[in-house]
Amino acid sequence: MPAALLTAAQLAATSALTAWMAIGFTRRPGRWMRYPLFSRATYVIIDLTGVKDGRTEPVNPYLYLSPGAFLLPPPQLQTVIDHLISTGRYDRIDGRGRCVSVKGEQPITVVANRVVL
């Protein structure tokens, strides 16, 4: 096979793969050859503050996720907060942040140990 033909084939394959990856990040979930991990994921970015005996400290909910987990959807955030309250680590947890999903960003708050969208 001539070297020029091999180079042209590599260039065409690289261009096709690059175009496929760029189109894969559009907002139409569920379409053929899309990235469902990114288009259907729901996660929370939030700053939490825990109160115990009148003292406040920041709370990192990601410390309480399963190993390898990196997405924190609202129901799982509520589970982490319930665990921290039931074990007596904190008396109250509050916070503000945003919930990111295929619908876009929306504000999320934690008021008196309850997640509110």
PDB file of N, CA and C in Angstrom:
ATOM      1  N   MET A   1       0.855  -1.171   0.000  1.00  0.00           N
ATOM      2  CA  MET A   1       0.000   0.000   0.000  1.00  0.00           C
ATOM      3  C   MET A   1       0.901   1.234   0.000  1.00  0.00           C
ATOM      4  N   PRO A   2       0.645   2.183  -0.876  1.00  0.00           N
ATOM      5  CA  PRO A   2       1.465   3.396  -0.933  1.00  0.00           C
ATOM      6  C   PRO A   2       1.331   4.210   0.358  1.00  0.00           C
ATOM      7  N   ALA A   3       2.417   4.882   0.734  1.00  0.00           N
ATOM      8  CA  ALA A   3       2.437   5.673   1.963  1.00  0.00           C
ATOM      9  C   ALA A   3       1.437   6.822   1.915  1.00  0.00           C
ATOM     10  N   ALA A   4       1.232   7.421   0.754  1.00  0.00           N
ATOM     11  CA  ALA A   4       0.288   8.535   0.625  1.00  0.00           C
ATOM     12  C   ALA A   4      -1.135   8.074   0.893  1.00  0.00           C
ATOM     13  N   LEU A   5      -1.471   6.848   0.428  1.00  0.00           N
ATOM     14  CA  LEU A   5      -2.812   6.313   0.650  1.00  0.00           C
ATOM     15  C   LEU A   5      -3.037   6.026   2.135  1.00  0.00           C
ATOM     16  N   LEU A   6      -2.013   5.492   2.805  1.00  0.00           N
ATOM     17  CA  LEU A   6      -2.114   5.214   4.235  1.00  0.00           C
ATOM     18  C   LEU A   6      -2.281   6.521   5.023  1.00  0.00           C
ATOM     19  N   THR A   7      -1.546   7.543   4.691  1.00  0.00           N
ATOM     20  CA  THR A   7      -1.668   8.834   5.355  1.00  0.00           C
ATOM     21  C   THR A   7      -3.052   9.441   5.136  1.00  0.00           C
ATOM     22  N   ALA A   8      -3.574   9.336   3.931  1.00  0.00           N
ATOM     23  CA  ALA A   8      -4.916   9.857   3.645  1.00  0.00           C
ATOM     24  C   ALA A   8      -5.968   9.085   4.441  1.00  0.00           C
ATOM     25  N   ALA A   9      -5.816   7.772   4.565  1.00  0.00           N
ATOM     26  CA  ALA A   9      -6.763   6.964   5.332  1.00  0.00           C
ATOM     27  C   ALA A   9      -6.698   7.326   6.822  1.00  0.00           C
ATOM     28  N   GLN A  10      -5.492   7.543   7.343  1.00  0.00           N
ATOM     29  CA  GLN A  10      -5.347   7.932   8.747  1.00  0.00           C
ATOM     30  C   GLN A  10      -5.959   9.308   9.003  1.00  0.00           C
ATOM     31  N   LEU A  11      -5.752  10.226   8.078  1.00  0.00           N
ATOM     32  CA  LEU A  11      -6.317  11.562   8.203  1.00  0.00           C
ATOM     33  C   LEU A  11      -7.846  11.509   8.166  1.00  0.00           C
ATOM     34  N   ALA A  12      -8.395  10.711   7.274  1.00  0.00           N
ATOM     35  CA  ALA A  12      -9.856  10.585   7.180  1.00  0.00           C
ATOM     36  C   ALA A  12     -10.428   9.954   8.447  1.00  0.00           C
ATOM     37  N   ALA A  13      -9.777   8.911   8.949  1.00  0.00           N
ATOM     38  CA  ALA A  13     -10.260   8.249  10.162  1.00  0.00           C
ATOM     39  C   ALA A  13     -10.171   9.193  11.363  1.00  0.00           C
ATOM     40  N   THR A  14      -9.088   9.930  11.472  1.00  0.00           N
ATOM     41  CA  THR A  14      -8.927  10.881  12.577  1.00  0.00           C
ATOM     42  C   THR A  14      -9.959  11.997  12.496  1.00  0.00           C
ATOM     43  N   SER A  15     -10.220  12.495  11.302  1.00  0.00           N
ATOM     44  CA  SER A  15     -11.221  13.550  11.125  1.00  0.00           C
ATOM     45  C   SER A  15     -12.614  13.047  11.476  1.00  0.00           C
ATOM     46  N   ALA A  16     -12.940  11.837  11.059  1.00  0.00           N
ATOM     47  CA  ALA A  16     -14.259  11.264  11.358  1.00  0.00           C
ATOM     48  C   ALA A  16     -14.431  11.058  12.863  1.00  0.00           C
ATOM     49  N   LEU A  17     -13.411  10.556  13.531  1.00  0.00           N
ATOM     50  CA  LEU A  17     -13.489  10.341  14.972  1.00  0.00           C
ATOM     51  C   LEU A  17     -13.619  11.672  15.719  1.00  0.00           C
ATOM     52  N   THR A  18     -12.885  12.676  15.308  1.00  0.00           N
ATOM     53  CA  THR A  18     -12.968  13.992  15.936  1.00  0.00           C
ATOM     54  C   THR A  18     -14.360  14.606  15.754  1.00  0.00           C
ATOM     55  N   ALA A  19     -14.917  14.498  14.577  1.00  0.00           N
ATOM     56  CA  ALA A  19     -16.260  15.027  14.323  1.00  0.00           C
ATOM     57  C   ALA A  19     -17.300  14.284  15.148  1.00  0.00           C
ATOM     58  N   TRP A  20     -17.171  12.964  15.227  1.00  0.00           N
ATOM     59  CA  TRP A  20     -18.108  12.159  16.013  1.00  0.00           C
ATOM     60  C   TRP A  20     -18.058  12.564  17.476  1.00  0.00           C
ATOM     61  N   MET A  21     -16.866  12.783  18.036  1.00  0.00           N
ATOM     62  CA  MET A  21     -16.736  13.174  19.434  1.00  0.00           C
ATOM     63  C   MET A  21     -17.301  14.572  19.675  1.00  0.00           C
ATOM     64  N   ALA A  22     -17.077  15.496  18.755  1.00  0.00           N
ATOM     65  CA  ALA A  22     -17.602  16.855  18.918  1.00  0.00           C
ATOM     66  C   ALA A  22     -19.123  16.871  18.864  1.00  0.00           C
ATOM     67  N   ILE A  23     -19.709  16.113  17.958  1.00  0.00           N
ATOM     68  CA  ILE A  23     -21.173  16.052  17.840  1.00  0.00           C
ATOM     69  C   ILE A  23     -21.774  15.328  19.035  1.00  0.00           C
ATOM     70  N   GLY A  24     -21.034  14.419  19.655  1.00  0.00           N
ATOM     71  CA  GLY A  24     -21.536  13.648  20.786  1.00  0.00           C
ATOM     72  C   GLY A  24     -21.849  14.472  22.011  1.00  0.00           C
ATOM     73  N   PHE A  25     -21.334  15.682  22.120  1.00  0.00           N
ATOM     74  CA  PHE A  25     -21.580  16.511  23.283  1.00  0.00           C
ATOM     75  C   PHE A  25     -22.737  17.484  23.096  1.00  0.00           C
ATOM     76  N   THR A  26     -23.572  17.279  22.094  1.00  0.00           N
ATOM     77  CA  THR A  26     -24.739  18.133  21.910  1.00  0.00           C
ATOM     78  C   THR A  26     -25.801  17.761  22.931  1.00  0.00           C
ATOM     79  N   ARG A  27     -26.879  18.532  23.018  1.00  0.00           N
ATOM     80  CA  ARG A  27     -27.882  18.355  24.069  1.00  0.00           C
ATOM     81  C   ARG A  27     -28.977  17.363  23.725  1.00  0.00           C
ATOM     82  N   ARG A  28     -28.875  16.606  22.657  1.00  0.00           N
ATOM     83  CA  ARG A  28     -29.951  15.681  22.318  1.00  0.00           C
ATOM     84  C   ARG A  28     -29.648  14.300  22.897  1.00  0.00           C
ATOM     85  N   PRO A  29     -30.144  13.992  24.104  1.00  0.00           N
ATOM     86  CA  PRO A  29     -29.848  12.698  24.713  1.00  0.00           C
ATOM     87  C   PRO A  29     -30.615  11.568  24.024  1.00  0.00           C
ATOM     88  N   GLY A  30     -30.031  10.410  24.067  1.00  0.00           N
ATOM     89  CA  GLY A  30     -30.699   9.232  23.548  1.00  0.00           C
ATOM     90  C   GLY A  30     -30.555   9.017  22.058  1.00  0.00           C
ATOM     91  N   ARG A  31     -29.899   9.901  21.359  1.00  0.00           N
ATOM     92  CA  ARG A  31     -29.698   9.724  19.924  1.00  0.00           C
ATOM     93  C   ARG A  31     -28.563   8.751  19.688  1.00  0.00           C
ATOM     94  N   TRP A  32     -28.500   8.235  18.483  1.00  0.00           N
ATOM     95  CA  TRP A  32     -27.475   7.273  18.118  1.00  0.00           C
ATOM     96  C   TRP A  32     -26.089   7.906  18.208  1.00  0.00           C
ATOM     97  N   MET A  33     -25.155   7.187  18.802  1.00  0.00           N
ATOM     98  CA  MET A  33     -23.762   7.605  18.954  1.00  0.00           C
ATOM     99  C   MET A  33     -23.612   8.870  19.801  1.00  0.00           C
ATOM    100  N   ARG A  34     -24.408   9.010  20.843  1.00  0.00           N
ATOM    101  CA  ARG A  34     -24.274  10.126  21.786  1.00  0.00           C
ATOM    102  C   ARG A  34     -23.588   9.605  23.043  1.00  0.00           C
ATOM    103  N   TYR A  35     -23.197  10.499  23.934  1.00  0.00           N
ATOM    104  CA  TYR A  35     -22.574  10.127  25.188  1.00  0.00           C
ATOM    105  C   TYR A  35     -23.639  10.132  26.283  1.00  0.00           C
ATOM    106  N   PRO A  36     -24.277   8.998  26.586  1.00  0.00           N
ATOM    107  CA  PRO A  36     -25.352   8.997  27.568  1.00  0.00           C
ATOM    108  C   PRO A  36     -24.878   9.341  28.981  1.00  0.00           C
ATOM    109  N   LEU A  37     -23.610   9.085  29.304  1.00  0.00           N
ATOM    110  CA  LEU A  37     -23.123   9.428  30.633  1.00  0.00           C
ATOM    111  C   LEU A  37     -23.257  10.917  30.888  1.00  0.00           C
ATOM    112  N   PHE A  38     -22.909  11.737  29.912  1.00  0.00           N
ATOM    113  CA  PHE A  38     -22.943  13.175  30.090  1.00  0.00           C
ATOM    114  C   PHE A  38     -24.329  13.758  29.829  1.00  0.00           C
ATOM    115  N   SER A  39     -25.098  13.164  28.956  1.00  0.00           N
ATOM    116  CA  SER A  39     -26.381  13.756  28.611  1.00  0.00           C
ATOM    117  C   SER A  39     -27.487  13.375  29.578  1.00  0.00           C
ATOM    118  N   ARG A  40     -27.320  12.317  30.348  1.00  0.00           N
ATOM    119  CA  ARG A  40     -28.376  11.889  31.272  1.00  0.00           C
ATOM    120  C   ARG A  40     -27.972  11.991  32.728  1.00  0.00           C
ATOM    121  N   ALA A  41     -26.774  12.388  33.020  1.00  0.00           N
ATOM    122  CA  ALA A  41     -26.307  12.459  34.399  1.00  0.00           C
ATOM    123  C   ALA A  41     -26.952  13.638  35.123  1.00  0.00           C
ATOM    124  N   THR A  42     -27.241  13.432  36.394  1.00  0.00           N
ATOM    125  CA  THR A  42     -27.731  14.494  37.269  1.00  0.00           C
ATOM    126  C   THR A  42     -26.816  14.519  38.481  1.00  0.00           C
ATOM    127  N   TYR A  43     -26.273  15.686  38.777  1.00  0.00           N
ATOM    128  CA  TYR A  43     -25.391  15.765  39.925  1.00  0.00           C
ATOM    129  C   TYR A  43     -25.515  17.129  40.581  1.00  0.00           C
ATOM    130  N   VAL A  44     -24.990  17.205  41.786  1.00  0.00           N
ATOM    131  CA  VAL A  44     -25.110  18.396  42.619  1.00  0.00           C
ATOM    132  C   VAL A  44     -23.725  18.952  42.905  1.00  0.00           C
ATOM    133  N   ILE A  45     -23.601  20.258  42.795  1.00  0.00           N
ATOM    134  CA  ILE A  45     -22.411  20.986  43.241  1.00  0.00           C
ATOM    135  C   ILE A  45     -22.891  21.877  44.378  1.00  0.00           C
ATOM    136  N   ILE A  46     -22.422  21.619  45.591  1.00  0.00           N
ATOM    137  CA  ILE A  46     -23.015  22.285  46.752  1.00  0.00           C
ATOM    138  C   ILE A  46     -21.973  22.541  47.837  1.00  0.00           C
ATOM    139  N   ASP A  47     -22.177  23.618  48.586  1.00  0.00           N
ATOM    140  CA  ASP A  47     -21.386  23.934  49.781  1.00  0.00           C
ATOM    141  C   ASP A  47     -22.272  23.674  50.985  1.00  0.00           C
ATOM    142  N   LEU A  48     -21.856  22.745  51.828  1.00  0.00           N
ATOM    143  CA  LEU A  48     -22.637  22.409  53.023  1.00  0.00           C
ATOM    144  C   LEU A  48     -21.914  22.880  54.273  1.00  0.00           C
ATOM    145  N   THR A  49     -22.711  23.269  55.267  1.00  0.00           N
ATOM    146  CA  THR A  49     -22.191  23.669  56.566  1.00  0.00           C
ATOM    147  C   THR A  49     -22.909  22.858  57.631  1.00  0.00           C
ATOM    148  N   GLY A  50     -22.141  22.175  58.450  1.00  0.00           N
ATOM    149  CA  GLY A  50     -22.709  21.386  59.533  1.00  0.00           C
ATOM    150  C   GLY A  50     -22.571  22.105  60.860  1.00  0.00           C
ATOM    151  N   VAL A  51     -23.587  21.951  61.716  1.00  0.00           N
ATOM    152  CA  VAL A  51     -23.592  22.576  63.031  1.00  0.00           C
ATOM    153  C   VAL A  51     -23.637  21.473  64.075  1.00  0.00           C
ATOM    154  N   LYS A  52     -22.689  21.516  65.016  1.00  0.00           N
ATOM    155  CA  LYS A  52     -22.665  20.564  66.133  1.00  0.00           C
ATOM    156  C   LYS A  52     -22.317  21.339  67.395  1.00  0.00           C
ATOM    157  N   ASP A  53     -23.208  21.345  68.357  1.00  0.00           N
ATOM    158  CA  ASP A  53     -23.014  22.041  69.633  1.00  0.00           C
ATOM    159  C   ASP A  53     -22.667  23.516  69.442  1.00  0.00           C
ATOM    160  N   GLY A  54     -23.315  24.166  68.476  1.00  0.00           N
ATOM    161  CA  GLY A  54     -23.113  25.581  68.240  1.00  0.00           C
ATOM    162  C   GLY A  54     -21.905  25.925  67.381  1.00  0.00           C
ATOM    163  N   ARG A  55     -21.075  24.964  67.052  1.00  0.00           N
ATOM    164  CA  ARG A  55     -19.907  25.213  66.193  1.00  0.00           C
ATOM    165  C   ARG A  55     -20.243  24.782  64.774  1.00  0.00           C
ATOM    166  N   THR A  56     -19.751  25.564  63.814  1.00  0.00           N
ATOM    167  CA  THR A  56     -19.996  25.242  62.404  1.00  0.00           C
ATOM    168  C   THR A  56     -18.697  24.812  61.741  1.00  0.00           C
ATOM    169  N   GLU A  57     -18.846  23.933  60.762  1.00  0.00           N
ATOM    170  CA  GLU A  57     -17.711  23.489  59.960  1.00  0.00           C
ATOM    171  C   GLU A  57     -18.215  23.046  58.593  1.00  0.00           C
ATOM    172  N   PRO A  58     -17.370  23.135  57.566  1.00  0.00           N
ATOM    173  CA  PRO A  58     -17.789  22.696  56.240  1.00  0.00           C
ATOM    174  C   PRO A  58     -17.938  21.167  56.200  1.00  0.00           C
ATOM    175  N   VAL A  59     -18.882  20.725  55.394  1.00  0.00           N
ATOM    176  CA  VAL A  59     -19.147  19.295  55.235  1.00  0.00           C
ATOM    177  C   VAL A  59     -18.859  18.911  53.783  1.00  0.00           C
ATOM    178  N   ASN A  60     -18.076  17.867  53.591  1.00  0.00           N
ATOM    179  CA  ASN A  60     -17.779  17.360  52.258  1.00  0.00           C
ATOM    180  C   ASN A  60     -18.570  16.071  52.037  1.00  0.00           C
ATOM    181  N   PRO A  61     -19.690  16.123  51.309  1.00  0.00           N
ATOM    182  CA  PRO A  61     -20.511  14.917  51.137  1.00  0.00           C
ATOM    183  C   PRO A  61     -19.825  13.845  50.296  1.00  0.00           C
ATOM    184  N   TYR A  62     -18.816  14.219  49.507  1.00  0.00           N
ATOM    185  CA  TYR A  62     -18.140  13.254  48.654  1.00  0.00           C
ATOM    186  C   TYR A  62     -17.307  12.261  49.456  1.00  0.00           C
ATOM    187  N   LEU A  63     -16.976  12.586  50.699  1.00  0.00           N
ATOM    188  CA  LEU A  63     -16.241  11.643  51.540  1.00  0.00           C
ATOM    189  C   LEU A  63     -17.071  10.426  51.894  1.00  0.00           C
ATOM    190  N   TYR A  64     -18.384  10.530  51.771  1.00  0.00           N
ATOM    191  CA  TYR A  64     -19.285   9.469  52.194  1.00  0.00           C
ATOM    192  C   TYR A  64     -19.862   8.672  51.024  1.00  0.00           C
ATOM    193  N   LEU A  65     -19.353   8.885  49.819  1.00  0.00           N
ATOM    194  CA  LEU A  65     -19.800   8.124  48.657  1.00  0.00           C
ATOM    195  C   LEU A  65     -19.046   6.808  48.563  1.00  0.00           C
ATOM    196  N   SER A  66     -19.581   5.886  47.796  1.00  0.00           N
ATOM    197  CA  SER A  66     -18.914   4.614  47.559  1.00  0.00           C
ATOM    198  C   SER A  66     -17.617   4.839  46.797  1.00  0.00           C
ATOM    199  N   PRO A  67     -16.628   3.991  47.002  1.00  0.00           N
ATOM    200  CA  PRO A  67     -15.380   4.136  46.239  1.00  0.00           C
ATOM    201  C   PRO A  67     -15.651   4.076  44.734  1.00  0.00           C
ATOM    202  N   GLY A  68     -15.091   5.016  44.008  1.00  0.00           N
ATOM    203  CA  GLY A  68     -15.284   5.069  42.562  1.00  0.00           C
ATOM    204  C   GLY A  68     -16.455   5.919  42.125  1.00  0.00           C
ATOM    205  N   ALA A  69     -17.342   6.276  43.048  1.00  0.00           N
ATOM    206  CA  ALA A  69     -18.491   7.114  42.701  1.00  0.00           C
ATOM    207  C   ALA A  69     -18.049   8.575  42.673  1.00  0.00           C
ATOM    208  N   PHE A  70     -18.508   9.303  41.678  1.00  0.00           N
ATOM    209  CA  PHE A  70     -18.144  10.714  41.594  1.00  0.00           C
ATOM    210  C   PHE A  70     -19.336  11.610  41.303  1.00  0.00           C
ATOM    211  N   LEU A  71     -20.503  11.039  41.009  1.00  0.00           N
ATOM    212  CA  LEU A  71     -21.708  11.834  40.794  1.00  0.00           C
ATOM    213  C   LEU A  71     -22.567  11.779  42.055  1.00  0.00           C
ATOM    214  N   LEU A  72     -23.124  12.914  42.412  1.00  0.00           N
ATOM    215  CA  LEU A  72     -23.941  13.009  43.612  1.00  0.00           C
ATOM    216  C   LEU A  72     -25.304  13.589  43.244  1.00  0.00           C
ATOM    217  N   PRO A  73     -26.278  12.733  42.901  1.00  0.00           N
ATOM    218  CA  PRO A  73     -27.620  13.243  42.606  1.00  0.00           C
ATOM    219  C   PRO A  73     -28.344  13.630  43.900  1.00  0.00           C
ATOM    220  N   PRO A  74     -29.413  14.424  43.810  1.00  0.00           N
ATOM    221  CA  PRO A  74     -30.116  14.885  45.012  1.00  0.00           C
ATOM    222  C   PRO A  74     -30.575  13.782  45.965  1.00  0.00           C
ATOM    223  N   PRO A  75     -31.137  12.646  45.496  1.00  0.00           N
ATOM    224  CA  PRO A  75     -31.536  11.613  46.467  1.00  0.00           C
ATOM    225  C   PRO A  75     -30.345  11.052  47.257  1.00  0.00           C
ATOM    226  N   GLN A  76     -29.213  10.909  46.598  1.00  0.00           N
ATOM    227  CA  GLN A  76     -28.043  10.399  47.296  1.00  0.00           C
ATOM    228  C   GLN A  76     -27.498  11.449  48.269  1.00  0.00           C
ATOM    229  N   LEU A  77     -27.574  12.727  47.913  1.00  0.00           N
ATOM    230  CA  LEU A  77     -27.190  13.789  48.840  1.00  0.00           C
ATOM    231  C   LEU A  77     -28.054  13.733  50.088  1.00  0.00           C
ATOM    232  N   GLN A  78     -29.360  13.519  49.910  1.00  0.00           N
ATOM    233  CA  GLN A  78     -30.258  13.418  51.071  1.00  0.00           C
ATOM    234  C   GLN A  78     -29.887  12.224  51.938  1.00  0.00           C
ATOM    235  N   THR A  79     -29.489  11.114  51.326  1.00  0.00           N
ATOM    236  CA  THR A  79     -29.076   9.930  52.083  1.00  0.00           C
ATOM    237  C   THR A  79     -27.828  10.219  52.908  1.00  0.00           C
ATOM    238  N   VAL A  80     -26.870  10.914  52.327  1.00  0.00           N
ATOM    239  CA  VAL A  80     -25.647  11.271  53.055  1.00  0.00           C
ATOM    240  C   VAL A  80     -25.982  12.185  54.232  1.00  0.00           C
ATOM    241  N   ILE A  81     -26.839  13.174  54.005  1.00  0.00           N
ATOM    242  CA  ILE A  81     -27.225  14.092  55.082  1.00  0.00           C
ATOM    243  C   ILE A  81     -27.948  13.339  56.189  1.00  0.00           C
ATOM    244  N   ASP A  82     -28.880  12.444  55.830  1.00  0.00           N
ATOM    245  CA  ASP A  82     -29.592  11.645  56.830  1.00  0.00           C
ATOM    246  C   ASP A  82     -28.617  10.806  57.662  1.00  0.00           C
ATOM    247  N   HIS A  83     -27.608  10.238  56.998  1.00  0.00           N
ATOM    248  CA  HIS A  83     -26.606   9.436  57.711  1.00  0.00           C
ATOM    249  C   HIS A  83     -25.822  10.294  58.709  1.00  0.00           C
ATOM    250  N   LEU A  84     -25.402  11.478  58.288  1.00  0.00           N
ATOM    251  CA  LEU A  84     -24.626  12.349  59.172  1.00  0.00           C
ATOM    252  C   LEU A  84     -25.438  12.817  60.377  1.00  0.00           C
ATOM    253  N   ILE A  85     -26.727  13.037  60.183  1.00  0.00           N
ATOM    254  CA  ILE A  85     -27.594  13.465  61.284  1.00  0.00           C
ATOM    255  C   ILE A  85     -27.890  12.291  62.211  1.00  0.00           C
ATOM    256  N   SER A  86     -28.209  11.125  61.639  1.00  0.00           N
ATOM    257  CA  SER A  86     -28.572   9.963  62.470  1.00  0.00           C
ATOM    258  C   SER A  86     -27.404   9.428  63.290  1.00  0.00           C
ATOM    259  N   THR A  87     -26.176   9.587  62.802  1.00  0.00           N
ATOM    260  CA  THR A  87     -25.011   9.128  63.567  1.00  0.00           C
ATOM    261  C   THR A  87     -24.591  10.127  64.633  1.00  0.00           C
ATOM    262  N   GLY A  88     -25.199  11.309  64.653  1.00  0.00           N
ATOM    263  CA  GLY A  88     -24.889  12.310  65.654  1.00  0.00           C
ATOM    264  C   GLY A  88     -23.680  13.169  65.317  1.00  0.00           C
ATOM    265  N   ARG A  89     -23.189  13.055  64.120  1.00  0.00           N
ATOM    266  CA  ARG A  89     -22.023  13.863  63.733  1.00  0.00           C
ATOM    267  C   ARG A  89     -22.379  15.353  63.700  1.00  0.00           C
ATOM    268  N   TYR A  90     -23.598  15.654  63.233  1.00  0.00           N
ATOM    269  CA  TYR A  90     -24.065  17.040  63.183  1.00  0.00           C
ATOM    270  C   TYR A  90     -25.487  17.118  63.712  1.00  0.00           C
ATOM    271  N   ASP A  91     -25.827  18.289  64.255  1.00  0.00           N
ATOM    272  CA  ASP A  91     -27.205  18.544  64.690  1.00  0.00           C
ATOM    273  C   ASP A  91     -28.039  19.093  63.546  1.00  0.00           C
ATOM    274  N   ARG A  92     -27.379  19.842  62.667  1.00  0.00           N
ATOM    275  CA  ARG A  92     -28.089  20.479  61.556  1.00  0.00           C
ATOM    276  C   ARG A  92     -27.107  20.676  60.408  1.00  0.00           C
ATOM    277  N   ILE A  93     -27.610  20.523  59.191  1.00  0.00           N
ATOM    278  CA  ILE A  93     -26.804  20.763  57.991  1.00  0.00           C
ATOM    279  C   ILE A  93     -27.590  21.675  57.063  1.00  0.00           C
ATOM    280  N   ASP A  94     -26.924  22.731  56.587  1.00  0.00           N
ATOM    281  CA  ASP A  94     -27.508  23.672  55.642  1.00  0.00           C
ATOM    282  C   ASP A  94     -26.528  23.874  54.499  1.00  0.00           C
ATOM    283  N   GLY A  95     -27.047  24.337  53.356  1.00  0.00           N
ATOM    284  CA  GLY A  95     -26.147  24.612  52.243  1.00  0.00           C
ATOM    285  C   GLY A  95     -26.859  25.166  51.029  1.00  0.00           C
ATOM    286  N   ARG A  96     -26.056  25.633  50.082  1.00  0.00           N
ATOM    287  CA  ARG A  96     -26.561  26.172  48.816  1.00  0.00           C
ATOM    288  C   ARG A  96     -25.683  25.665  47.692  1.00  0.00           C
ATOM    289  N   GLY A  97     -26.292  25.485  46.539  1.00  0.00           N
ATOM    290  CA  GLY A  97     -25.536  25.042  45.377  1.00  0.00           C
ATOM    291  C   GLY A  97     -26.411  24.990  44.153  1.00  0.00           C
ATOM    292  N   ARG A  98     -26.022  24.128  43.217  1.00  0.00           N
ATOM    293  CA  ARG A  98     -26.823  23.979  42.001  1.00  0.00           C
ATOM    294  C   ARG A  98     -26.855  22.518  41.589  1.00  0.00           C
ATOM    295  N   CYS A  99     -27.945  22.162  40.961  1.00  0.00           N
ATOM    296  CA  CYS A  99     -28.165  20.822  40.442  1.00  0.00           C
ATOM    297  C   CYS A  99     -28.036  20.904  38.924  1.00  0.00           C
ATOM    298  N   VAL A 100     -27.181  20.083  38.361  1.00  0.00           N
ATOM    299  CA  VAL A 100     -26.917  20.093  36.925  1.00  0.00           C
ATOM    300  C   VAL A 100     -27.479  18.810  36.322  1.00  0.00           C
ATOM    301  N   SER A 101     -28.294  18.964  35.281  1.00  0.00           N
ATOM    302  CA  SER A 101     -28.880  17.808  34.606  1.00  0.00           C
ATOM    303  C   SER A 101     -29.083  18.152  33.139  1.00  0.00           C
ATOM    304  N   VAL A 102     -29.725  17.255  32.424  1.00  0.00           N
ATOM    305  CA  VAL A 102     -29.991  17.497  31.008  1.00  0.00           C
ATOM    306  C   VAL A 102     -30.912  18.704  30.824  1.00  0.00           C
ATOM    307  N   LYS A 103     -31.660  19.067  31.856  1.00  0.00           N
ATOM    308  CA  LYS A 103     -32.549  20.228  31.803  1.00  0.00           C
ATOM    309  C   LYS A 103     -31.813  21.537  32.045  1.00  0.00           C
ATOM    310  N   GLY A 104     -30.536  21.464  32.375  1.00  0.00           N
ATOM    311  CA  GLY A 104     -29.752  22.658  32.670  1.00  0.00           C
ATOM    312  C   GLY A 104     -29.436  22.748  34.147  1.00  0.00           C
ATOM    313  N   GLU A 105     -29.114  23.941  34.605  1.00  0.00           N
ATOM    314  CA  GLU A 105     -28.801  24.166  36.011  1.00  0.00           C
ATOM    315  C   GLU A 105     -30.003  24.755  36.729  1.00  0.00           C
ATOM    316  N   GLN A 106     -30.198  24.310  37.957  1.00  0.00           N
ATOM    317  CA  GLN A 106     -31.228  24.891  38.798  1.00  0.00           C
ATOM    318  C   GLN A 106     -30.693  24.978  40.222  1.00  0.00           C
ATOM    319  N   PRO A 107     -31.117  25.984  40.966  1.00  0.00           N
ATOM    320  CA  PRO A 107     -30.610  26.131  42.333  1.00  0.00           C
ATOM    321  C   PRO A 107     -31.107  25.006  43.232  1.00  0.00           C
ATOM    322  N   ILE A 108     -30.272  24.640  44.182  1.00  0.00           N
ATOM    323  CA  ILE A 108     -30.630  23.627  45.168  1.00  0.00           C
ATOM    324  C   ILE A 108     -30.166  24.117  46.519  1.00  0.00           C
ATOM    325  N   THR A 109     -30.952  23.907  47.542  1.00  0.00           N
ATOM    326  CA  THR A 109     -30.580  24.308  48.877  1.00  0.00           C
ATOM    327  C   THR A 109     -30.820  23.143  49.844  1.00  0.00           C
ATOM    328  N   VAL A 110     -30.109  23.179  50.929  1.00  0.00           N
ATOM    329  CA  VAL A 110     -30.348  22.256  52.041  1.00  0.00           C
ATOM    330  C   VAL A 110     -30.713  23.132  53.227  1.00  0.00           C
ATOM    331  N   VAL A 111     -31.934  22.938  53.719  1.00  0.00           N
ATOM    332  CA  VAL A 111     -32.445  23.728  54.834  1.00  0.00           C
ATOM    333  C   VAL A 111     -32.905  22.759  55.910  1.00  0.00           C
ATOM    334  N   ALA A 112     -32.322  22.883  57.095  1.00  0.00           N
ATOM    335  CA  ALA A 112     -32.670  22.038  58.232  1.00  0.00           C
ATOM    336  C   ALA A 112     -32.654  20.556  57.835  1.00  0.00           C
ATOM    337  N   ASN A 113     -31.578  20.130  57.236  1.00  0.00           N
ATOM    338  CA  ASN A 113     -31.313  18.717  56.883  1.00  0.00           C
ATOM    339  C   ASN A 113     -32.166  18.191  55.744  1.00  0.00           C
ATOM    340  N   ARG A 114     -32.844  19.037  55.001  1.00  0.00           N
ATOM    341  CA  ARG A 114     -33.681  18.597  53.879  1.00  0.00           C
ATOM    342  C   ARG A 114     -33.221  19.228  52.592  1.00  0.00           C
ATOM    343  N   VAL A 115     -33.088  18.417  51.546  1.00  0.00           N
ATOM    344  CA  VAL A 115     -32.708  18.906  50.211  1.00  0.00           C
ATOM    345  C   VAL A 115     -33.945  19.491  49.545  1.00  0.00           C
ATOM    346  N   VAL A 116     -33.827  20.732  49.062  1.00  0.00           N
ATOM    347  CA  VAL A 116     -34.942  21.423  48.421  1.00  0.00           C
ATOM    348  C   VAL A 116     -34.491  21.877  47.052  1.00  0.00           C
ATOM    349  N   LEU A 117     -35.174  21.395  46.011  1.00  0.00           N
ATOM    350  CA  LEU A 117     -34.865  21.823  44.643  1.00  0.00           C
ATOM    351  C   LEU A 117     -35.653  23.045  44.279  1.00  0.00           C
TER     352      LEU A 117
END
